[in-house]
């Protein structure tokens, strides 16, 4: 009887031990799942660098539950990048810039304030409106952002020289631009990043601070490194139609040497601008 009782006690101990081990195992899985969830929903600065080879977005402190800055790798094909840089468009930008610097700025020229004479040009003449490449890219921009083509403004091409930057600004400007789509035409080894810092949370942050390595301390910062063909897009207005301070951004100085930075932009208006032929949506592939 004593032996039987001892055996029964050992069995109970084994059962308790196994139960305890199983409980600890389940508890460990729960903790791991919570940690994994926290990692997936927290926008850490390394994620915000946006330099790897897969599409993703960074949330920051944008509207609740929404991604703040989205990106699309290879939004532009290599042949399209080459056509934009080597064709007539880039030459128009430089020509208009030379005229503007001379004091007779053209109506098409965009004055890039606080940027050190960057060359920037609205491509909004009739030949631009009917250009096959620009038309196709305008339609692609509308499809990417998810808006009607009628709301897409004329394309803008901008050139930065070595050392040039663009201070913090908001794209809504004097008109209600709901979105911006920006595409890089060159890959830069260093410098030239587009950096976002929520000005509502960090009103005193300067561009030089945000562009430095120390900017990692702002966990809601988003810094995008220029890669040829990469497009980024974001909302400029919140759901109430007011400027979203999380969309304030600037361009870090382009690295030294002979580097230049070329970008293509499409701004999306809250009201139709009707620049592009409406027939494009029916006949042109995205």
C-alpha atoms as a PDB file:
ATOM      1  CA  UNK A   1       0.000   0.000   0.000  1.00  0.00           C
ATOM      2  CA  UNK A   2       2.844   2.341   0.864  1.00  0.00           C
ATOM      3  CA  UNK A   3       4.522   1.601  -2.489  1.00  0.00           C
ATOM      4  CA  UNK A   4       1.281   2.209  -4.371  1.00  0.00           C
ATOM      5  CA  UNK A   5       0.749   5.540  -2.590  1.00  0.00           C
ATOM      6  CA  UNK A   6       4.301   6.601  -3.352  1.00  0.00           C
ATOM      7  CA  UNK A   7       3.859   5.727  -7.022  1.00  0.00           C
ATOM      8  CA  UNK A   8       0.587   7.650  -7.139  1.00  0.00           C
ATOM      9  CA  UNK A   9       2.279  10.696  -5.558  1.00  0.00           C
ATOM     10  CA  UNK A  10       5.052  10.605  -8.148  1.00  0.00           C
ATOM     11  CA  UNK A  11       2.462  10.434 -10.896  1.00  0.00           C
ATOM     12  CA  UNK A  12       0.726  13.496  -9.482  1.00  0.00           C
ATOM     13  CA  UNK A  13       4.058  15.312  -9.284  1.00  0.00           C
ATOM     14  CA  UNK A  14       4.798  14.422 -12.908  1.00  0.00           C
ATOM     15  CA  UNK A  15       1.401  15.693 -13.978  1.00  0.00           C
ATOM     16  CA  UNK A  16       1.902  18.947 -12.049  1.00  0.00           C
ATOM     17  CA  UNK A  17       5.349  19.362 -13.528  1.00  0.00           C
ATOM     18  CA  UNK A  18       4.073  18.841 -17.059  1.00  0.00           C
ATOM     19  CA  UNK A  19       1.161  21.215 -16.447  1.00  0.00           C
ATOM     20  CA  UNK A  20       3.535  23.855 -15.149  1.00  0.00           C
ATOM     21  CA  UNK A  21       5.854  23.439 -18.132  1.00  0.00           C
ATOM     22  CA  UNK A  22       2.952  23.654 -20.568  1.00  0.00           C
ATOM     23  CA  UNK A  23       1.613  26.784 -18.831  1.00  0.00           C
ATOM     24  CA  UNK A  24       5.038  28.427 -19.041  1.00  0.00           C
ATOM     25  CA  UNK A  25       5.254  27.492 -22.723  1.00  0.00           C
ATOM     26  CA  UNK A  26       1.881  29.101 -23.460  1.00  0.00           C
ATOM     27  CA  UNK A  27       2.851  32.184 -21.444  1.00  0.00           C
ATOM     28  CA  UNK A  28       6.062  32.469 -23.429  1.00  0.00           C
ATOM     29  CA  UNK A  29       4.177  32.278 -26.713  1.00  0.00           C
ATOM     30  CA  UNK A  30       1.826  35.016 -25.521  1.00  0.00           C
ATOM     31  CA  UNK A  31       4.723  37.311 -24.629  1.00  0.00           C
ATOM     32  CA  UNK A  32       6.425  36.602 -27.941  1.00  0.00           C
ATOM     33  CA  UNK A  33       3.231  37.387 -29.831  1.00  0.00           C
ATOM     34  CA  UNK A  34       2.799  40.655 -27.943  1.00  0.00           C
ATOM     35  CA  UNK A  35       6.389  41.666 -28.636  1.00  0.00           C
ATOM     36  CA  UNK A  36       6.013  40.753 -32.307  1.00  0.00           C
ATOM     37  CA  UNK A  37       2.816  42.801 -32.505  1.00  0.00           C
ATOM     38  CA  UNK A  38       4.513  45.772 -30.910  1.00  0.00           C
ATOM     39  CA  UNK A  39       7.419  45.518 -33.351  1.00  0.00           C
ATOM     40  CA  UNK A  40       5.083  45.373 -36.329  1.00  0.00           C
ATOM     41  CA  UNK A  41       2.998  48.386 -35.272  1.00  0.00           C
ATOM     42  CA  UNK A  42       5.774  50.638 -33.987  1.00  0.00           C
ATOM     43  CA  UNK A  43       7.379  52.882 -36.580  1.00  0.00           C
ATOM     44  CA  UNK A  44      11.061  52.628 -35.705  1.00  0.00           C
ATOM     45  CA  UNK A  45      13.502  54.865 -37.569  1.00  0.00           C
ATOM     46  CA  UNK A  46      15.351  52.030 -39.407  1.00  0.00           C
ATOM     47  CA  UNK A  47      12.050  51.105 -41.078  1.00  0.00           C
ATOM     48  CA  UNK A  48      11.509  54.725 -41.974  1.00  0.00           C
ATOM     49  CA  UNK A  49      14.751  54.824 -43.939  1.00  0.00           C
ATOM     50  CA  UNK A  50      12.949  53.060 -46.792  1.00  0.00           C
ATOM     51  CA  UNK A  51      16.141  51.806 -48.416  1.00  0.00           C
ATOM     52  CA  UNK A  52      15.532  48.061 -48.788  1.00  0.00           C
ATOM     53  CA  UNK A  53      14.149  46.338 -51.861  1.00  0.00           C
ATOM     54  CA  UNK A  54      10.548  45.711 -50.859  1.00  0.00           C
ATOM     55  CA  UNK A  55       7.520  47.990 -50.977  1.00  0.00           C
ATOM     56  CA  UNK A  56       6.351  49.225 -47.606  1.00  0.00           C
ATOM     57  CA  UNK A  57       5.233  52.325 -45.789  1.00  0.00           C
ATOM     58  CA  UNK A  58       5.926  54.094 -42.534  1.00  0.00           C
ATOM     59  CA  UNK A  59       3.160  55.165 -40.221  1.00  0.00           C
ATOM     60  CA  UNK A  60       4.638  57.862 -38.009  1.00  0.00           C
ATOM     61  CA  UNK A  61       1.939  59.955 -36.337  1.00  0.00           C
ATOM     62  CA  UNK A  62      -0.387  60.411 -39.282  1.00  0.00           C
ATOM     63  CA  UNK A  63      -4.130  59.901 -39.147  1.00  0.00           C
ATOM     64  CA  UNK A  64      -5.178  57.079 -36.873  1.00  0.00           C
ATOM     65  CA  UNK A  65      -4.555  53.711 -38.457  1.00  0.00           C
ATOM     66  CA  UNK A  66      -3.283  55.134 -41.738  1.00  0.00           C
ATOM     67  CA  UNK A  67       0.152  54.895 -43.301  1.00  0.00           C
ATOM     68  CA  UNK A  68       1.698  58.294 -43.578  1.00  0.00           C
ATOM     69  CA  UNK A  69       4.298  57.920 -46.329  1.00  0.00           C
ATOM     70  CA  UNK A  70       3.915  55.217 -48.963  1.00  0.00           C
ATOM     71  CA  UNK A  71       6.433  54.136 -51.549  1.00  0.00           C
ATOM     72  CA  UNK A  72       6.487  52.183 -54.787  1.00  0.00           C
ATOM     73  CA  UNK A  73       9.746  50.718 -56.035  1.00  0.00           C
ATOM     74  CA  UNK A  74      10.312  50.827 -59.796  1.00  0.00           C
ATOM     75  CA  UNK A  75       7.375  53.194 -60.255  1.00  0.00           C
ATOM     76  CA  UNK A  76       9.355  54.474 -63.224  1.00  0.00           C
ATOM     77  CA  UNK A  77      10.976  52.104 -65.676  1.00  0.00           C
ATOM     78  CA  UNK A  78      14.649  52.604 -66.511  1.00  0.00           C
ATOM     79  CA  UNK A  79      13.740  53.667 -70.041  1.00  0.00           C
ATOM     80  CA  UNK A  80      11.303  56.267 -68.671  1.00  0.00           C
ATOM     81  CA  UNK A  81      13.929  57.685 -66.318  1.00  0.00           C
ATOM     82  CA  UNK A  82      16.386  57.956 -69.209  1.00  0.00           C
ATOM     83  CA  UNK A  83      13.833  59.697 -71.412  1.00  0.00           C
ATOM     84  CA  UNK A  84      13.059  62.237 -68.706  1.00  0.00           C
ATOM     85  CA  UNK A  85      16.728  62.987 -68.053  1.00  0.00           C
ATOM     86  CA  UNK A  86      18.130  62.784 -71.549  1.00  0.00           C
ATOM     87  CA  UNK A  87      15.197  64.143 -73.518  1.00  0.00           C
ATOM     88  CA  UNK A  88      13.968  67.703 -73.902  1.00  0.00           C
ATOM     89  CA  UNK A  89      12.405  67.957 -70.435  1.00  0.00           C
ATOM     90  CA  UNK A  90      15.659  68.304 -68.490  1.00  0.00           C
ATOM     91  CA  UNK A  91      16.960  70.824 -71.032  1.00  0.00           C
ATOM     92  CA  UNK A  92      13.770  72.870 -70.579  1.00  0.00           C
ATOM     93  CA  UNK A  93      14.289  72.902 -66.819  1.00  0.00           C
ATOM     94  CA  UNK A  94      17.840  74.208 -67.101  1.00  0.00           C
ATOM     95  CA  UNK A  95      16.919  76.732 -69.788  1.00  0.00           C
ATOM     96  CA  UNK A  96      14.008  78.140 -67.756  1.00  0.00           C
ATOM     97  CA  UNK A  97      16.234  78.300 -64.696  1.00  0.00           C
ATOM     98  CA  UNK A  98      18.866  80.352 -66.528  1.00  0.00           C
ATOM     99  CA  UNK A  99      16.192  82.768 -67.711  1.00  0.00           C
ATOM    100  CA  UNK A 100      14.722  82.983 -64.229  1.00  0.00           C
ATOM    101  CA  UNK A 101      18.058  83.675 -62.584  1.00  0.00           C
ATOM    102  CA  UNK A 102      18.575  86.457 -65.099  1.00  0.00           C
ATOM    103  CA  UNK A 103      15.469  88.183 -63.809  1.00  0.00           C
ATOM    104  CA  UNK A 104      12.916  87.301 -66.496  1.00  0.00           C
ATOM    105  CA  UNK A 105      11.279  84.307 -64.862  1.00  0.00           C
ATOM    106  CA  UNK A 106       8.899  82.441 -67.126  1.00  0.00           C
ATOM    107  CA  UNK A 107       5.313  81.654 -66.177  1.00  0.00           C
ATOM    108  CA  UNK A 108       6.156  77.962 -66.182  1.00  0.00           C
ATOM    109  CA  UNK A 109       9.004  78.270 -63.721  1.00  0.00           C
ATOM    110  CA  UNK A 110       8.439  77.215 -60.102  1.00  0.00           C
ATOM    111  CA  UNK A 111      10.420  79.400 -57.724  1.00  0.00           C
ATOM    112  CA  UNK A 112      11.942  77.050 -55.151  1.00  0.00           C
ATOM    113  CA  UNK A 113      12.270  79.296 -52.127  1.00  0.00           C
ATOM    114  CA  UNK A 114      15.000  78.717 -49.540  1.00  0.00           C
ATOM    115  CA  UNK A 115      16.593  76.079 -51.709  1.00  0.00           C
ATOM    116  CA  UNK A 116      19.618  77.794 -53.180  1.00  0.00           C
ATOM    117  CA  UNK A 117      18.555  78.271 -56.810  1.00  0.00           C
ATOM    118  CA  UNK A 118      17.284  74.824 -57.581  1.00  0.00           C
ATOM    119  CA  UNK A 119      15.921  74.580 -61.121  1.00  0.00           C
ATOM    120  CA  UNK A 120      12.255  73.630 -61.162  1.00  0.00           C
ATOM    121  CA  UNK A 121       9.694  73.775 -63.951  1.00  0.00           C
ATOM    122  CA  UNK A 122       5.981  73.174 -64.474  1.00  0.00           C
ATOM    123  CA  UNK A 123       5.498  71.133 -67.633  1.00  0.00           C
ATOM    124  CA  UNK A 124       2.122  72.626 -68.464  1.00  0.00           C
ATOM    125  CA  UNK A 125       2.209  73.728 -72.079  1.00  0.00           C
ATOM    126  CA  UNK A 126       0.105  72.126 -74.811  1.00  0.00           C
ATOM    127  CA  UNK A 127       2.978  69.933 -75.982  1.00  0.00           C
ATOM    128  CA  UNK A 128       3.409  68.658 -72.426  1.00  0.00           C
ATOM    129  CA  UNK A 129      -0.301  67.917 -72.129  1.00  0.00           C
ATOM    130  CA  UNK A 130      -0.186  65.731 -75.231  1.00  0.00           C
ATOM    131  CA  UNK A 131       3.213  64.155 -74.582  1.00  0.00           C
ATOM    132  CA  UNK A 132       2.803  60.333 -74.481  1.00  0.00           C
ATOM    133  CA  UNK A 133       5.228  59.784 -71.592  1.00  0.00           C
ATOM    134  CA  UNK A 134       3.973  62.615 -69.367  1.00  0.00           C
ATOM    135  CA  UNK A 135       0.378  61.629 -70.070  1.00  0.00           C
ATOM    136  CA  UNK A 136       1.053  58.017 -69.155  1.00  0.00           C
ATOM    137  CA  UNK A 137       2.800  59.055 -65.938  1.00  0.00           C
ATOM    138  CA  UNK A 138      -0.044  61.400 -64.976  1.00  0.00           C
ATOM    139  CA  UNK A 139      -2.500  58.540 -65.356  1.00  0.00           C
ATOM    140  CA  UNK A 140      -0.185  56.270 -63.377  1.00  0.00           C
ATOM    141  CA  UNK A 141      -0.027  58.876 -60.611  1.00  0.00           C
ATOM    142  CA  UNK A 142      -3.824  59.074 -60.483  1.00  0.00           C
ATOM    143  CA  UNK A 143      -4.070  55.296 -60.272  1.00  0.00           C
ATOM    144  CA  UNK A 144      -1.327  55.024 -57.629  1.00  0.00           C
ATOM    145  CA  UNK A 145      -2.845  57.625 -55.325  1.00  0.00           C
ATOM    146  CA  UNK A 146      -6.418  56.586 -56.107  1.00  0.00           C
ATOM    147  CA  UNK A 147      -7.885  59.806 -57.536  1.00  0.00           C
ATOM    148  CA  UNK A 148      -9.524  60.787 -60.851  1.00  0.00           C
ATOM    149  CA  UNK A 149      -7.119  61.947 -63.564  1.00  0.00           C
ATOM    150  CA  UNK A 150      -8.891  65.322 -63.661  1.00  0.00           C
ATOM    151  CA  UNK A 151      -7.380  66.129 -60.233  1.00  0.00           C
ATOM    152  CA  UNK A 152      -3.753  65.586 -61.315  1.00  0.00           C
ATOM    153  CA  UNK A 153      -1.838  68.823 -61.891  1.00  0.00           C
ATOM    154  CA  UNK A 154       0.845  69.218 -64.573  1.00  0.00           C
ATOM    155  CA  UNK A 155       4.122  67.435 -63.921  1.00  0.00           C
ATOM    156  CA  UNK A 156       6.983  69.284 -62.232  1.00  0.00           C
ATOM    157  CA  UNK A 157      10.659  68.405 -62.745  1.00  0.00           C
ATOM    158  CA  UNK A 158      13.265  69.748 -60.329  1.00  0.00           C
ATOM    159  CA  UNK A 159      17.057  69.654 -60.329  1.00  0.00           C
ATOM    160  CA  UNK A 160      19.242  70.075 -57.241  1.00  0.00           C
ATOM    161  CA  UNK A 161      22.984  70.663 -57.482  1.00  0.00           C
ATOM    162  CA  UNK A 162      25.594  69.494 -54.974  1.00  0.00           C
ATOM    163  CA  UNK A 163      24.996  71.021 -51.557  1.00  0.00           C
ATOM    164  CA  UNK A 164      21.516  72.317 -52.352  1.00  0.00           C
ATOM    165  CA  UNK A 165      18.578  71.595 -50.061  1.00  0.00           C
ATOM    166  CA  UNK A 166      14.978  72.634 -49.587  1.00  0.00           C
ATOM    167  CA  UNK A 167      13.735  73.749 -46.176  1.00  0.00           C
ATOM    168  CA  UNK A 168      10.673  72.394 -44.409  1.00  0.00           C
ATOM    169  CA  UNK A 169       7.464  73.227 -46.247  1.00  0.00           C
ATOM    170  CA  UNK A 170       3.935  71.976 -46.846  1.00  0.00           C
ATOM    171  CA  UNK A 171       2.649  71.200 -50.336  1.00  0.00           C
ATOM    172  CA  UNK A 172      -0.939  72.336 -49.794  1.00  0.00           C
ATOM    173  CA  UNK A 173       0.272  75.895 -50.436  1.00  0.00           C
ATOM    174  CA  UNK A 174      -2.349  78.391 -51.495  1.00  0.00           C
ATOM    175  CA  UNK A 175      -4.541  75.664 -52.984  1.00  0.00           C
ATOM    176  CA  UNK A 176      -5.849  72.494 -51.441  1.00  0.00           C
ATOM    177  CA  UNK A 177      -3.473  69.847 -52.711  1.00  0.00           C
ATOM    178  CA  UNK A 178      -4.671  66.649 -51.133  1.00  0.00           C
ATOM    179  CA  UNK A 179      -1.682  64.481 -52.105  1.00  0.00           C
ATOM    180  CA  UNK A 180       1.847  64.642 -53.445  1.00  0.00           C
ATOM    181  CA  UNK A 181       3.596  61.963 -55.502  1.00  0.00           C
ATOM    182  CA  UNK A 182       7.365  62.398 -55.795  1.00  0.00           C
ATOM    183  CA  UNK A 183       9.608  60.172 -57.906  1.00  0.00           C
ATOM    184  CA  UNK A 184      13.405  60.112 -57.870  1.00  0.00           C
ATOM    185  CA  UNK A 185      15.201  60.084 -61.217  1.00  0.00           C
ATOM    186  CA  UNK A 186      18.649  59.311 -59.781  1.00  0.00           C
ATOM    187  CA  UNK A 187      20.174  57.117 -57.095  1.00  0.00           C
ATOM    188  CA  UNK A 188      22.415  59.115 -54.781  1.00  0.00           C
ATOM    189  CA  UNK A 189      25.233  57.536 -52.749  1.00  0.00           C
ATOM    190  CA  UNK A 190      24.612  60.031 -49.961  1.00  0.00           C
ATOM    191  CA  UNK A 191      22.511  63.058 -49.198  1.00  0.00           C
ATOM    192  CA  UNK A 192      19.390  64.353 -50.907  1.00  0.00           C
ATOM    193  CA  UNK A 193      16.933  62.474 -48.683  1.00  0.00           C
ATOM    194  CA  UNK A 194      13.353  63.621 -48.357  1.00  0.00           C
ATOM    195  CA  UNK A 195      12.716  63.964 -44.636  1.00  0.00           C
ATOM    196  CA  UNK A 196       9.410  64.271 -42.787  1.00  0.00           C
ATOM    197  CA  UNK A 197       9.142  65.486 -39.198  1.00  0.00           C
ATOM    198  CA  UNK A 198       5.768  66.105 -37.562  1.00  0.00           C
ATOM    199  CA  UNK A 199       5.890  69.871 -36.989  1.00  0.00           C
ATOM    200  CA  UNK A 200       2.989  69.655 -34.589  1.00  0.00           C
ATOM    201  CA  UNK A 201       5.108  67.519 -32.279  1.00  0.00           C
ATOM    202  CA  UNK A 202       8.510  69.047 -33.177  1.00  0.00           C
ATOM    203  CA  UNK A 203       7.893  72.695 -34.166  1.00  0.00           C
ATOM    204  CA  UNK A 204      11.483  73.800 -33.596  1.00  0.00           C
ATOM    205  CA  UNK A 205      13.338  71.070 -35.458  1.00  0.00           C
ATOM    206  CA  UNK A 206      15.634  72.432 -38.164  1.00  0.00           C
ATOM    207  CA  UNK A 207      16.351  70.688 -41.455  1.00  0.00           C
ATOM    208  CA  UNK A 208      20.024  70.159 -40.585  1.00  0.00           C
ATOM    209  CA  UNK A 209      18.983  68.348 -37.395  1.00  0.00           C
ATOM    210  CA  UNK A 210      16.468  66.142 -39.180  1.00  0.00           C
ATOM    211  CA  UNK A 211      19.010  65.245 -41.874  1.00  0.00           C
ATOM    212  CA  UNK A 212      21.699  64.229 -39.396  1.00  0.00           C
ATOM    213  CA  UNK A 213      22.168  60.750 -37.987  1.00  0.00           C
ATOM    214  CA  UNK A 214      20.959  62.068 -34.629  1.00  0.00           C
ATOM    215  CA  UNK A 215      17.461  62.457 -36.090  1.00  0.00           C
ATOM    216  CA  UNK A 216      16.861  58.845 -35.112  1.00  0.00           C
ATOM    217  CA  UNK A 217      15.770  60.156 -31.739  1.00  0.00           C
ATOM    218  CA  UNK A 218      12.539  61.355 -33.362  1.00  0.00           C
ATOM    219  CA  UNK A 219      10.759  58.035 -33.674  1.00  0.00           C
ATOM    220  CA  UNK A 220       8.098  59.578 -35.920  1.00  0.00           C
ATOM    221  CA  UNK A 221      10.620  60.835 -38.455  1.00  0.00           C
ATOM    222  CA  UNK A 222      10.522  59.445 -41.965  1.00  0.00           C
ATOM    223  CA  UNK A 223      13.588  59.804 -44.191  1.00  0.00           C
ATOM    224  CA  UNK A 224      13.546  58.519 -47.762  1.00  0.00           C
ATOM    225  CA  UNK A 225      16.803  57.968 -49.665  1.00  0.00           C
ATOM    226  CA  UNK A 226      16.726  58.745 -53.408  1.00  0.00           C
ATOM    227  CA  UNK A 227      16.668  55.634 -55.597  1.00  0.00           C
ATOM    228  CA  UNK A 228      16.069  55.965 -59.338  1.00  0.00           C
ATOM    229  CA  UNK A 229      12.509  54.984 -60.193  1.00  0.00           C
ATOM    230  CA  UNK A 230      11.327  54.999 -56.566  1.00  0.00           C
ATOM    231  CA  UNK A 231       8.144  56.988 -55.914  1.00  0.00           C
ATOM    232  CA  UNK A 232       6.799  58.153 -52.572  1.00  0.00           C
ATOM    233  CA  UNK A 233       3.379  59.662 -51.996  1.00  0.00           C
ATOM    234  CA  UNK A 234       1.503  61.058 -49.020  1.00  0.00           C
ATOM    235  CA  UNK A 235      -1.604  62.955 -47.922  1.00  0.00           C
ATOM    236  CA  UNK A 236      -1.212  66.689 -47.377  1.00  0.00           C
ATOM    237  CA  UNK A 237      -4.622  67.257 -45.803  1.00  0.00           C
ATOM    238  CA  UNK A 238      -6.330  65.516 -42.920  1.00  0.00           C
ATOM    239  CA  UNK A 239      -9.895  64.205 -43.124  1.00  0.00           C
ATOM    240  CA  UNK A 240     -11.219  67.614 -42.123  1.00  0.00           C
ATOM    241  CA  UNK A 241      -9.500  69.167 -45.143  1.00  0.00           C
ATOM    242  CA  UNK A 242      -6.920  71.032 -43.069  1.00  0.00           C
ATOM    243  CA  UNK A 243      -3.131  70.870 -43.641  1.00  0.00           C
ATOM    244  CA  UNK A 244      -1.669  67.864 -41.879  1.00  0.00           C
ATOM    245  CA  UNK A 245       1.471  68.991 -40.068  1.00  0.00           C
ATOM    246  CA  UNK A 246       2.802  65.437 -40.298  1.00  0.00           C
ATOM    247  CA  UNK A 247       3.149  66.083 -44.060  1.00  0.00           C
ATOM    248  CA  UNK A 248       5.676  68.884 -43.589  1.00  0.00           C
ATOM    249  CA  UNK A 249       8.885  67.810 -45.293  1.00  0.00           C
ATOM    250  CA  UNK A 250      12.187  69.042 -46.649  1.00  0.00           C
ATOM    251  CA  UNK A 251      15.047  67.924 -48.864  1.00  0.00           C
ATOM    252  CA  UNK A 252      18.417  67.224 -47.260  1.00  0.00           C
ATOM    253  CA  UNK A 253      21.544  68.682 -48.903  1.00  0.00           C
ATOM    254  CA  UNK A 254      22.773  66.791 -51.934  1.00  0.00           C
ATOM    255  CA  UNK A 255      26.179  65.168 -51.338  1.00  0.00           C
ATOM    256  CA  UNK A 256      29.349  66.893 -52.462  1.00  0.00           C
ATOM    257  CA  UNK A 257      31.253  66.397 -55.673  1.00  0.00           C
ATOM    258  CA  UNK A 258      29.481  66.554 -59.001  1.00  0.00           C
ATOM    259  CA  UNK A 259      26.276  64.946 -57.839  1.00  0.00           C
ATOM    260  CA  UNK A 260      22.889  66.252 -58.895  1.00  0.00           C
ATOM    261  CA  UNK A 261      19.435  65.237 -57.797  1.00  0.00           C
ATOM    262  CA  UNK A 262      16.513  65.137 -60.226  1.00  0.00           C
ATOM    263  CA  UNK A 263      12.924  64.516 -59.159  1.00  0.00           C
ATOM    264  CA  UNK A 264       9.538  64.336 -60.851  1.00  0.00           C
ATOM    265  CA  UNK A 265       6.443  65.431 -58.942  1.00  0.00           C
ATOM    266  CA  UNK A 266       2.697  65.317 -59.381  1.00  0.00           C
ATOM    267  CA  UNK A 267       0.473  67.327 -57.070  1.00  0.00           C
ATOM    268  CA  UNK A 268      -3.144  66.264 -56.610  1.00  0.00           C
ATOM    269  CA  UNK A 269      -5.735  69.023 -56.346  1.00  0.00           C
ATOM    270  CA  UNK A 270      -8.889  68.739 -54.234  1.00  0.00           C
ATOM    271  CA  UNK A 271     -10.841  70.172 -57.163  1.00  0.00           C
ATOM    272  CA  UNK A 272     -10.562  69.169 -60.828  1.00  0.00           C
ATOM    273  CA  UNK A 273      -7.895  70.988 -62.833  1.00  0.00           C
ATOM    274  CA  UNK A 274      -8.743  69.159 -66.065  1.00  0.00           C
ATOM    275  CA  UNK A 275      -5.266  69.519 -67.524  1.00  0.00           C
ATOM    276  CA  UNK A 276      -4.875  66.029 -68.954  1.00  0.00           C
ATOM    277  CA  UNK A 277      -7.170  64.756 -71.738  1.00  0.00           C
ATOM    278  CA  UNK A 278     -10.053  62.840 -70.164  1.00  0.00           C
ATOM    279  CA  UNK A 279      -9.817  60.289 -72.958  1.00  0.00           C
ATOM    280  CA  UNK A 280      -6.529  58.998 -71.475  1.00  0.00           C
ATOM    281  CA  UNK A 281      -8.349  57.008 -68.802  1.00  0.00           C
ATOM    282  CA  UNK A 282     -10.125  54.980 -71.467  1.00  0.00           C
ATOM    283  CA  UNK A 283      -7.329  54.331 -73.941  1.00  0.00           C
ATOM    284  CA  UNK A 284      -3.985  54.336 -72.116  1.00  0.00           C
ATOM    285  CA  UNK A 285      -2.502  51.551 -69.995  1.00  0.00           C
ATOM    286  CA  UNK A 286      -1.231  52.411 -66.526  1.00  0.00           C
END
